[in-house]
Amino acid sequence: MNEKWKWITAPRLRRGAVILGAVGLTAGAGLLTAGASLAAVGSQPGNLVLSAPTGALTSQPTWSTTTACPSGFQGSAAITEFTLSGTAGSLISAVQASPTAPISGALLDSNVGALLAAAPIGISATNPGTAEWVVGCYAGAGATGAVSQVQSIFISVAAGATTYTTSATPPAQTATTTTLVASPNPAAAGATVTLTATETPATAGSVQFQNAGTNIGTPVAVNASGVATTTFTAPSPFTSAVTLSAIFTPTSQTFSGSTGSTTLNSSSVLTATNSPVTINVTVAATGALTVSVATPATASLTVSGSTGTGTLPNVTINDTRNNFPGWSVSGQESTFTSSATPSTPISGNQLGWAPAAATGSNAFDGTHVVLGGTVAPASPGLGTTAAVLALAHAGFGATPGGTSSWIANAALTLAIPATTTAGAYTGSLAITYLTSQA
């Protein structure tokens, strides 16, 4: 990029008289460089204040600063307006002499709407956007000599608005993504290849296609769907891949630019004898399945009438195996007996349960890792046949890099036969587990 550096001189102070392509500065913080993108040009954003922070576009507020110009740049001061991409416009205020203290009550050249409408800013109700107004502090009188861009403010106009607003910070940009596709790919030597760049989200702008950093033609405008296309001639001879890119520059300053790239391969590349090479590798099985019952492994039932109720202690299932065979955890109740004489044993089938996920457990998703069904006491009960507390189908006993532990319990219900002799009864609920292949 060729840049011509210009100093702003006294004869060029009238608004609209000078539009700078680039400005070079020799000293001071916040020096302007060409191509700044959505960064404050001024070194002190927010330190330029309009007497009316918001108002009608037809109004002409005065301006002031909260700080003086820096040492070495106190010869004079005036406001220049900039696009958010850093392109300078004209001086838009009267020149202030000897700004050794904060400036107060200074005049703008015209009303806000007229100033913003001037090129290259071009902001209006029909072309909404934001500009940065920056106080340039000059080494010499009459806005001459070296300049440091210092106090600034961002001024915006919304679509259809008749007013302006100000802010100490620039507006946030919406990020864009550029996707580049080459077709055909691979391509033969000398073939015509179509390059398609797609912008997400779709917004107005243009795409500069490049081959290894060298422009392919001129920028291409994207259509309403955010798509731009061009053609590229594959090298001849073409025996190695080339890197193609698409650089998107949005029209609206509220969107960021982006770059997409792709590799164009050659269909002329020859394949070696006995290619491709088969690569074999065996990954060893690791991990283990463990099931444990919380201590104390005791459940005391509370009896009301002919029914006893309680909760099975938490049963923790850990599966860290990397072959994911699945698992099944079950429970089966023995006969309840009493040391009292006489006593009437209670069949294990009189105990039933309703499995549940314990507080803090990973989710049982109901499809791959599931809780067992409710078993009613006496019909059929947990005595004769073991019932499932929880299971994981094959392939889901653990999640690679994710869930490998679950905790289940169950609400217990004992149906006490009317013929049962009074006394303390004890039974054993065996918790067993196995690897599942279903």
Protein backbone atom coordinates (compact mmCIF):
# COMPACT_ATOMS: atom_id res chain seq x y z
CA MET A 1 0.00 0.00 0.00
CA ASN A 2 1.54 3.34 -1.09
CA GLU A 3 0.88 6.14 1.39
CA LYS A 4 1.52 9.88 1.00
CA TRP A 5 1.98 11.60 4.35
CA LYS A 6 0.56 15.13 4.64
CA TRP A 7 0.72 17.82 7.30
CA ILE A 8 -2.44 19.88 7.84
CA THR A 9 -1.54 23.50 7.22
CA ALA A 10 -3.31 26.79 7.94
CA PRO A 11 -4.73 27.49 4.43
CA ARG A 12 -6.64 24.16 4.59
CA LEU A 13 -8.73 24.84 7.70
CA ARG A 14 -12.12 25.43 6.11
CA ARG A 15 -14.54 22.54 6.58
CA GLY A 16 -14.76 20.46 3.44
CA ALA A 17 -11.68 21.99 1.93
CA VAL A 18 -9.33 19.12 2.71
CA ILE A 19 -9.94 15.37 2.80
CA LEU A 20 -6.89 13.41 3.86
CA GLY A 21 -6.15 9.92 2.59
CA ALA A 22 -3.62 9.38 5.38
CA VAL A 23 -2.08 11.49 8.09
CA GLY A 24 1.43 11.02 9.46
CA LEU A 25 2.28 12.13 12.98
CA THR A 26 5.70 12.42 14.48
CA ALA A 27 5.17 12.45 18.25
CA GLY A 28 2.73 11.99 21.11
CA ALA A 29 0.42 9.22 22.27
CA GLY A 30 -2.39 8.11 20.01
CA LEU A 31 -0.66 8.92 16.77
CA LEU A 32 -2.78 8.07 13.75
CA THR A 33 -1.69 5.39 11.31
CA ALA A 34 -3.47 4.45 8.13
CA GLY A 35 -5.82 1.50 8.28
CA ALA A 36 -6.75 1.59 12.02
CA SER A 37 -9.87 -0.55 12.41
CA LEU A 38 -12.48 0.23 15.06
CA ALA A 39 -9.82 1.47 17.44
CA ALA A 40 -9.89 4.98 18.85
CA VAL A 41 -7.75 7.40 16.83
CA GLY A 42 -7.66 9.72 19.81
CA SER A 43 -5.45 8.75 22.73
CA GLN A 44 -8.10 10.02 25.20
CA PRO A 45 -11.53 8.79 24.03
CA GLY A 46 -14.31 10.40 26.03
CA ASN A 47 -12.33 13.57 26.85
CA LEU A 48 -14.00 15.57 24.06
CA VAL A 49 -17.45 16.72 25.25
CA LEU A 50 -20.30 18.34 23.33
CA SER A 51 -22.45 20.83 25.26
CA ALA A 52 -25.42 18.65 24.26
CA PRO A 53 -24.33 14.94 24.39
CA THR A 54 -27.45 14.13 22.35
CA GLY A 55 -29.59 16.44 20.27
CA ALA A 56 -31.08 17.33 16.92
CA LEU A 57 -28.94 16.88 13.82
CA THR A 58 -29.77 20.51 12.99
CA SER A 59 -28.25 21.76 16.26
CA GLN A 60 -24.78 23.28 16.58
CA PRO A 61 -23.50 22.52 20.10
CA THR A 62 -20.23 23.96 21.41
CA TRP A 63 -17.41 21.64 22.45
CA SER A 64 -14.92 21.40 25.27
CA THR A 65 -12.18 19.08 26.53
CA THR A 66 -11.53 17.68 30.00
CA THR A 67 -7.75 17.82 29.54
CA ALA A 68 -5.23 20.20 28.03
CA CYS A 69 -3.14 19.36 25.00
CA PRO A 70 0.10 17.53 25.84
CA SER A 71 3.41 19.33 26.19
CA GLY A 72 5.02 19.94 22.81
CA PHE A 73 1.61 20.13 21.10
CA GLN A 74 0.16 23.29 22.63
CA GLY A 75 0.46 25.63 19.67
CA SER A 76 -3.16 25.19 18.58
CA ALA A 77 -6.03 22.67 18.49
CA ALA A 78 -8.99 21.81 16.26
CA ILE A 79 -11.37 18.88 15.67
CA THR A 80 -10.93 16.46 12.76
CA GLU A 81 -13.55 13.80 12.02
CA PHE A 82 -12.60 10.21 11.19
CA THR A 83 -14.35 7.09 9.96
CA LEU A 84 -14.13 4.11 12.31
CA SER A 85 -11.62 2.54 9.94
CA GLY A 86 -9.29 5.49 10.59
CA THR A 87 -9.82 7.53 7.40
CA ALA A 88 -9.50 11.25 8.18
CA GLY A 89 -11.99 13.83 6.97
CA SER A 90 -11.87 17.60 7.29
CA LEU A 91 -11.28 19.93 10.20
CA ILE A 92 -14.76 20.68 11.55
CA SER A 93 -14.15 23.34 14.21
CA ALA A 94 -12.60 26.73 14.73
CA VAL A 95 -8.90 26.57 15.59
CA GLN A 96 -8.15 27.12 19.27
CA ALA A 97 -4.95 28.96 20.17
CA SER A 98 -2.54 27.89 22.93
CA PRO A 99 -4.52 24.93 24.40
CA THR A 100 -2.41 24.78 27.57
CA ALA A 101 -5.59 24.26 29.64
CA PRO A 102 -8.80 22.35 28.90
CA ILE A 103 -10.75 23.97 26.06
CA SER A 104 -14.25 25.31 26.83
CA GLY A 105 -17.11 26.62 24.73
CA ALA A 106 -15.39 26.24 21.35
CA LEU A 107 -17.44 26.45 18.15
CA LEU A 108 -18.15 23.79 15.52
CA ASP A 109 -18.05 24.87 11.87
CA SER A 110 -21.67 23.88 11.22
CA ASN A 111 -24.57 21.84 12.58
CA VAL A 112 -23.95 18.20 13.49
CA GLY A 113 -25.91 16.76 10.57
CA ALA A 114 -23.97 18.76 7.99
CA LEU A 115 -20.63 17.83 9.53
CA LEU A 116 -21.41 14.10 9.58
CA ALA A 117 -22.74 14.18 6.01
CA ALA A 118 -19.43 15.50 4.60
CA ALA A 119 -17.17 13.07 2.71
CA PRO A 120 -15.65 10.68 3.54
CA ILE A 121 -17.86 10.30 6.64
CA GLY A 122 -21.21 10.39 4.81
CA ILE A 123 -23.37 9.53 7.84
CA SER A 124 -27.07 10.46 7.86
CA ALA A 125 -30.47 9.06 8.78
CA THR A 126 -30.49 7.20 5.45
CA ASN A 127 -26.87 6.03 5.87
CA PRO A 128 -26.59 5.44 9.63
CA GLY A 129 -23.30 4.88 11.40
CA THR A 130 -20.69 6.25 13.78
CA ALA A 131 -17.77 8.66 13.34
CA GLU A 132 -14.99 9.67 15.71
CA TRP A 133 -14.39 13.37 16.32
CA VAL A 134 -10.82 13.92 17.52
CA VAL A 135 -9.07 17.02 18.85
CA GLY A 136 -5.75 17.38 17.05
CA CYS A 137 -3.15 19.14 19.21
CA TYR A 138 -0.60 20.93 17.00
CA ALA A 139 2.95 22.03 17.68
CA GLY A 140 2.40 25.24 15.74
CA ALA A 141 -0.22 27.98 15.60
CA GLY A 142 -3.12 27.81 13.15
CA ALA A 143 -3.18 23.99 13.12
CA THR A 144 0.31 23.64 11.66
CA GLY A 145 3.30 21.50 12.46
CA ALA A 146 3.40 18.08 14.09
CA VAL A 147 0.06 16.90 15.44
CA SER A 148 -1.02 14.50 18.20
CA GLN A 149 -4.61 13.24 18.10
CA VAL A 150 -5.74 13.37 21.74
CA GLN A 151 -9.27 14.00 23.10
CA SER A 152 -12.08 12.32 21.16
CA ILE A 153 -15.73 11.26 21.20
CA PHE A 154 -17.80 8.86 19.08
CA ILE A 155 -20.93 10.34 17.52
CA SER A 156 -23.69 8.18 16.01
CA VAL A 157 -26.85 8.50 13.92
CA ALA A 158 -29.42 5.69 13.86
CA ALA A 159 -31.47 4.71 10.81
CA GLY A 160 -34.30 7.20 10.28
CA ALA A 161 -33.20 9.31 13.25
CA THR A 162 -33.30 13.11 13.39
CA THR A 163 -30.98 13.19 16.39
CA TYR A 164 -27.41 12.20 17.22
CA THR A 165 -25.94 10.46 20.27
CA THR A 166 -22.41 10.42 21.69
CA SER A 167 -20.32 7.82 23.48
CA ALA A 168 -16.82 7.51 24.94
CA THR A 169 -16.37 4.12 23.25
CA PRO A 170 -16.81 2.92 19.64
CA PRO A 171 -19.68 0.56 18.77
CA ALA A 172 -19.05 -3.17 18.89
CA GLN A 173 -18.60 -4.89 15.55
CA THR A 174 -20.45 -7.99 14.42
CA ALA A 175 -17.89 -10.64 13.50
CA THR A 176 -18.04 -12.17 10.02
CA THR A 177 -16.78 -15.50 8.76
CA THR A 178 -15.49 -16.10 5.23
CA THR A 179 -15.68 -19.60 3.74
CA LEU A 180 -13.81 -20.21 0.48
CA VAL A 181 -14.48 -23.16 -1.85
CA ALA A 182 -12.57 -24.00 -5.04
CA SER A 183 -14.18 -26.16 -7.75
CA PRO A 184 -13.00 -28.45 -9.20
CA ASN A 185 -10.54 -29.48 -6.52
CA PRO A 186 -8.19 -31.24 -7.32
CA ALA A 187 -7.72 -29.49 -10.64
CA ALA A 188 -5.63 -30.24 -13.71
CA ALA A 189 -2.81 -27.98 -14.89
CA GLY A 190 -4.22 -24.90 -16.66
CA ALA A 191 -7.81 -25.71 -15.63
CA THR A 192 -10.33 -22.94 -14.92
CA VAL A 193 -11.26 -23.10 -11.25
CA THR A 194 -14.30 -21.31 -9.80
CA LEU A 195 -13.68 -19.67 -6.43
CA THR A 196 -16.75 -19.05 -4.26
CA ALA A 197 -16.54 -16.98 -1.07
CA THR A 198 -19.52 -17.01 1.30
CA GLU A 199 -19.88 -14.44 4.09
CA THR A 200 -21.70 -15.26 7.32
CA PRO A 201 -23.76 -13.32 8.26
CA ALA A 202 -24.54 -12.01 4.79
CA THR A 203 -23.77 -8.30 4.61
CA ALA A 204 -22.75 -5.88 1.90
CA GLY A 205 -19.08 -5.63 1.00
CA SER A 206 -16.46 -6.95 -1.37
CA VAL A 207 -14.00 -9.84 -1.55
CA GLN A 208 -10.43 -9.68 -2.79
CA PHE A 209 -9.37 -13.14 -3.94
CA GLN A 210 -5.66 -13.99 -3.70
CA ASN A 211 -3.22 -16.70 -4.73
CA ALA A 212 -0.43 -16.95 -2.14
CA GLY A 213 -0.88 -13.26 -1.30
CA THR A 214 -1.10 -12.04 -4.91
CA ASN A 215 -4.42 -10.49 -5.94
CA ILE A 216 -6.60 -12.40 -8.39
CA GLY A 217 -8.26 -9.59 -10.34
CA THR A 218 -10.07 -6.75 -8.54
CA PRO A 219 -12.40 -6.93 -5.51
CA VAL A 220 -15.75 -8.63 -6.21
CA ALA A 221 -18.95 -7.36 -4.57
CA VAL A 222 -20.93 -9.96 -2.60
CA ASN A 223 -24.56 -10.52 -3.54
CA ALA A 224 -27.59 -10.35 -1.23
CA SER A 225 -26.78 -13.87 0.01
CA GLY A 226 -23.24 -12.86 0.97
CA VAL A 227 -21.63 -14.73 -1.96
CA ALA A 228 -18.87 -13.55 -4.32
CA THR A 229 -17.30 -15.60 -7.12
CA THR A 230 -14.39 -15.35 -9.52
CA THR A 231 -12.29 -17.70 -11.64
CA PHE A 232 -8.67 -18.77 -11.30
CA THR A 233 -6.45 -20.53 -13.78
CA ALA A 234 -4.51 -23.40 -12.22
CA PRO A 235 -0.74 -23.25 -12.75
CA SER A 236 0.89 -25.15 -15.58
CA PRO A 237 2.73 -27.30 -14.78
CA PHE A 238 0.74 -28.00 -11.60
CA THR A 239 2.45 -30.57 -9.40
CA SER A 240 2.08 -29.06 -5.92
CA ALA A 241 -0.83 -27.50 -4.04
CA VAL A 242 -1.47 -23.73 -3.92
CA THR A 243 -3.10 -21.72 -1.14
CA LEU A 244 -6.00 -19.51 -2.19
CA SER A 245 -7.65 -16.92 0.05
CA ALA A 246 -10.61 -14.55 0.10
CA ILE A 247 -10.35 -11.28 2.05
CA PHE A 248 -13.74 -9.74 2.88
CA THR A 249 -14.10 -5.99 3.46
CA PRO A 250 -17.60 -5.04 4.68
CA THR A 251 -19.35 -1.87 3.53
CA SER A 252 -20.85 -1.21 6.97
CA GLN A 253 -18.47 -0.28 9.78
CA THR A 254 -20.66 -2.29 12.18
CA PHE A 255 -19.25 -5.52 10.70
CA SER A 256 -15.68 -6.78 10.92
CA GLY A 257 -13.68 -8.03 7.99
CA SER A 258 -12.56 -11.65 7.73
CA THR A 259 -10.42 -13.98 5.63
CA GLY A 260 -11.07 -17.51 4.42
CA SER A 261 -8.63 -19.83 2.69
CA THR A 262 -8.51 -23.18 0.95
CA THR A 263 -5.89 -25.46 -0.59
CA LEU A 264 -6.19 -26.21 -4.29
CA ASN A 265 -4.67 -29.60 -5.00
CA SER A 266 -3.32 -30.83 -8.29
CA SER A 267 -4.91 -33.78 -10.02
CA SER A 268 -1.59 -34.19 -11.83
CA VAL A 269 0.15 -35.54 -8.73
CA LEU A 270 1.31 -39.12 -9.32
CA THR A 271 0.68 -41.96 -6.88
CA ALA A 272 3.61 -44.07 -5.69
CA THR A 273 3.73 -47.81 -6.41
CA ASN A 274 2.12 -49.83 -3.60
CA SER A 275 0.37 -46.74 -2.24
CA PRO A 276 -1.63 -46.32 -0.07
CA VAL A 277 0.13 -47.79 2.96
CA THR A 278 -2.05 -49.74 5.40
CA ILE A 279 -1.51 -48.60 9.00
CA ASN A 280 -2.57 -50.97 11.80
CA VAL A 281 -2.75 -50.14 15.48
CA THR A 282 -4.22 -51.95 18.48
CA VAL A 283 -5.54 -49.91 21.40
CA ALA A 284 -5.40 -51.89 24.64
CA ALA A 285 -8.50 -52.21 26.81
CA THR A 286 -8.23 -50.13 29.96
CA GLY A 287 -10.38 -49.15 32.91
CA ALA A 288 -12.70 -51.12 35.16
CA LEU A 289 -16.32 -51.46 36.27
CA THR A 290 -16.90 -51.09 40.02
CA VAL A 291 -20.11 -51.01 42.03
CA SER A 292 -20.24 -50.09 45.72
CA VAL A 293 -22.94 -49.56 48.35
CA ALA A 294 -22.65 -46.59 50.69
CA THR A 295 -21.83 -47.32 54.32
CA PRO A 296 -23.46 -48.17 56.56
CA ALA A 297 -25.05 -50.66 54.20
CA THR A 298 -28.25 -50.71 56.22
CA ALA A 299 -31.82 -49.67 55.52
CA SER A 300 -34.21 -49.42 58.48
CA LEU A 301 -37.87 -49.58 57.51
CA THR A 302 -40.53 -47.51 59.24
CA VAL A 303 -43.73 -49.52 59.79
CA SER A 304 -47.16 -48.02 59.52
CA GLY A 305 -49.98 -50.52 59.71
CA SER A 306 -49.03 -53.47 57.53
CA THR A 307 -46.45 -51.58 55.44
CA GLY A 308 -42.78 -50.82 56.05
CA THR A 309 -40.99 -48.13 54.04
CA GLY A 310 -37.40 -46.91 53.71
CA THR A 311 -34.62 -46.05 51.28
CA LEU A 312 -31.89 -48.25 49.85
CA PRO A 313 -28.40 -46.79 50.56
CA ASN A 314 -26.78 -45.13 47.55
CA VAL A 315 -25.27 -47.54 45.03
CA THR A 316 -22.39 -45.97 43.04
CA ILE A 317 -21.51 -47.36 39.61
CA ASN A 318 -18.13 -46.36 38.10
CA ASP A 319 -17.25 -47.48 34.58
CA THR A 320 -13.94 -46.28 33.15
CA ARG A 321 -13.53 -49.01 30.52
CA ASN A 322 -12.65 -47.88 27.01
CA ASN A 323 -14.52 -50.68 25.23
CA PHE A 324 -17.95 -49.63 26.58
CA PRO A 325 -19.60 -53.05 26.92
CA GLY A 326 -22.39 -51.74 29.16
CA TRP A 327 -23.41 -53.03 32.62
CA SER A 328 -26.37 -54.13 34.74
CA VAL A 329 -26.84 -53.77 38.52
CA SER A 330 -29.53 -55.87 40.24
CA GLY A 331 -30.91 -56.58 43.68
CA GLN A 332 -32.48 -59.70 45.28
CA GLU A 333 -33.93 -60.02 48.79
CA SER A 334 -33.52 -63.01 51.12
CA THR A 335 -36.14 -64.20 53.62
CA PHE A 336 -36.70 -61.90 56.61
CA THR A 337 -36.11 -63.77 59.89
CA SER A 338 -36.40 -62.90 63.57
CA SER A 339 -34.62 -64.10 66.69
CA ALA A 340 -37.90 -63.90 68.58
CA THR A 341 -39.63 -67.15 69.51
CA PRO A 342 -41.99 -67.95 68.09
CA SER A 343 -41.54 -66.00 64.79
CA THR A 344 -43.00 -66.13 61.33
CA PRO A 345 -40.41 -65.63 58.51
CA ILE A 346 -41.34 -63.03 55.88
CA SER A 347 -40.69 -63.98 52.27
CA GLY A 348 -38.25 -61.79 50.35
CA ASN A 349 -40.98 -61.43 47.75
CA GLN A 350 -42.85 -59.18 50.20
CA LEU A 351 -40.24 -56.47 49.53
CA GLY A 352 -40.57 -54.20 46.48
CA TRP A 353 -38.71 -51.11 45.28
CA ALA A 354 -38.85 -48.06 43.02
CA PRO A 355 -35.33 -47.24 41.66
CA ALA A 356 -34.32 -43.57 41.55
CA ALA A 357 -31.29 -41.42 40.76
CA ALA A 358 -29.58 -40.23 43.93
CA THR A 359 -29.08 -36.52 44.58
CA GLY A 360 -26.00 -35.29 42.71
CA SER A 361 -25.87 -38.23 40.31
CA ASN A 362 -25.16 -37.90 36.61
CA ALA A 363 -28.27 -38.22 34.51
CA PHE A 364 -29.85 -41.56 33.68
CA ASP A 365 -31.02 -40.57 30.19
CA GLY A 366 -33.82 -43.11 30.01
CA THR A 367 -32.59 -44.52 26.69
CA HIS A 368 -28.95 -45.58 26.98
CA VAL A 369 -28.35 -45.49 30.73
CA VAL A 370 -31.61 -46.28 32.52
CA LEU A 371 -33.09 -47.03 35.92
CA GLY A 372 -34.84 -50.35 36.50
CA GLY A 373 -38.59 -50.51 36.73
CA THR A 374 -40.69 -50.44 39.88
CA VAL A 375 -41.19 -53.87 41.48
CA ALA A 376 -44.36 -54.12 43.57
CA PRO A 377 -44.13 -55.98 46.92
CA ALA A 378 -45.59 -59.51 46.82
CA SER A 379 -46.41 -59.20 43.14
CA PRO A 380 -43.82 -60.23 42.18
CA GLY A 381 -41.42 -58.85 44.81
CA LEU A 382 -37.63 -59.10 45.02
CA GLY A 383 -37.28 -62.56 46.56
CA THR A 384 -37.56 -65.22 43.89
CA THR A 385 -36.06 -63.24 40.98
CA ALA A 386 -33.46 -60.48 41.03
CA ALA A 387 -34.67 -57.13 39.66
CA VAL A 388 -32.65 -54.47 37.80
CA LEU A 389 -31.71 -51.35 39.76
CA ALA A 390 -29.96 -49.64 36.80
CA LEU A 391 -28.31 -50.63 33.53
CA ALA A 392 -26.34 -49.23 30.61
CA HIS A 393 -26.76 -50.67 27.14
CA ALA A 394 -23.66 -51.81 25.26
CA GLY A 395 -21.79 -48.85 23.85
CA PHE A 396 -22.99 -46.51 26.60
CA GLY A 397 -21.45 -47.84 29.82
CA ALA A 398 -19.32 -44.70 29.81
CA THR A 399 -18.93 -41.67 27.58
CA PRO A 400 -15.45 -41.09 26.11
CA GLY A 401 -14.08 -38.04 27.89
CA GLY A 402 -17.38 -37.57 29.74
CA THR A 403 -19.76 -39.36 32.11
CA SER A 404 -18.42 -42.50 33.81
CA SER A 405 -20.17 -42.50 37.19
CA TRP A 406 -23.79 -42.83 38.32
CA ILE A 407 -25.48 -43.14 41.72
CA ALA A 408 -28.80 -44.94 42.19
CA ASN A 409 -30.97 -45.77 45.19
CA ALA A 410 -34.53 -47.01 45.58
CA ALA A 411 -37.60 -46.41 47.67
CA LEU A 412 -38.26 -49.69 49.55
CA THR A 413 -41.72 -50.99 50.42
CA LEU A 414 -42.36 -54.14 52.55
CA ALA A 415 -45.85 -55.65 52.58
CA ILE A 416 -46.11 -57.31 56.05
CA PRO A 417 -48.42 -60.35 56.05
CA ALA A 418 -51.24 -60.24 58.61
CA THR A 419 -49.97 -63.52 60.14
CA THR A 420 -46.54 -62.09 60.96
CA THR A 421 -45.50 -62.47 64.61
CA ALA A 422 -44.35 -59.26 66.32
CA GLY A 423 -40.58 -58.84 66.56
CA ALA A 424 -37.44 -57.47 64.91
CA TYR A 425 -36.79 -58.98 61.46
CA THR A 426 -33.67 -58.86 59.31
CA GLY A 427 -33.23 -59.66 55.66
CA SER A 428 -30.36 -59.32 53.20
CA LEU A 429 -30.72 -57.43 49.92
CA ALA A 430 -27.87 -58.66 47.68
CA ILE A 431 -26.61 -56.08 45.13
CA THR A 432 -24.92 -57.78 42.19
CA TYR A 433 -23.63 -56.53 38.84
CA LEU A 434 -22.37 -57.82 35.55
CA THR A 435 -21.08 -56.66 32.18
CA SER A 436 -23.93 -56.30 29.72
CA GLN A 437 -23.70 -57.03 26.01
CA ALA A 438 -27.21 -55.84 25.15
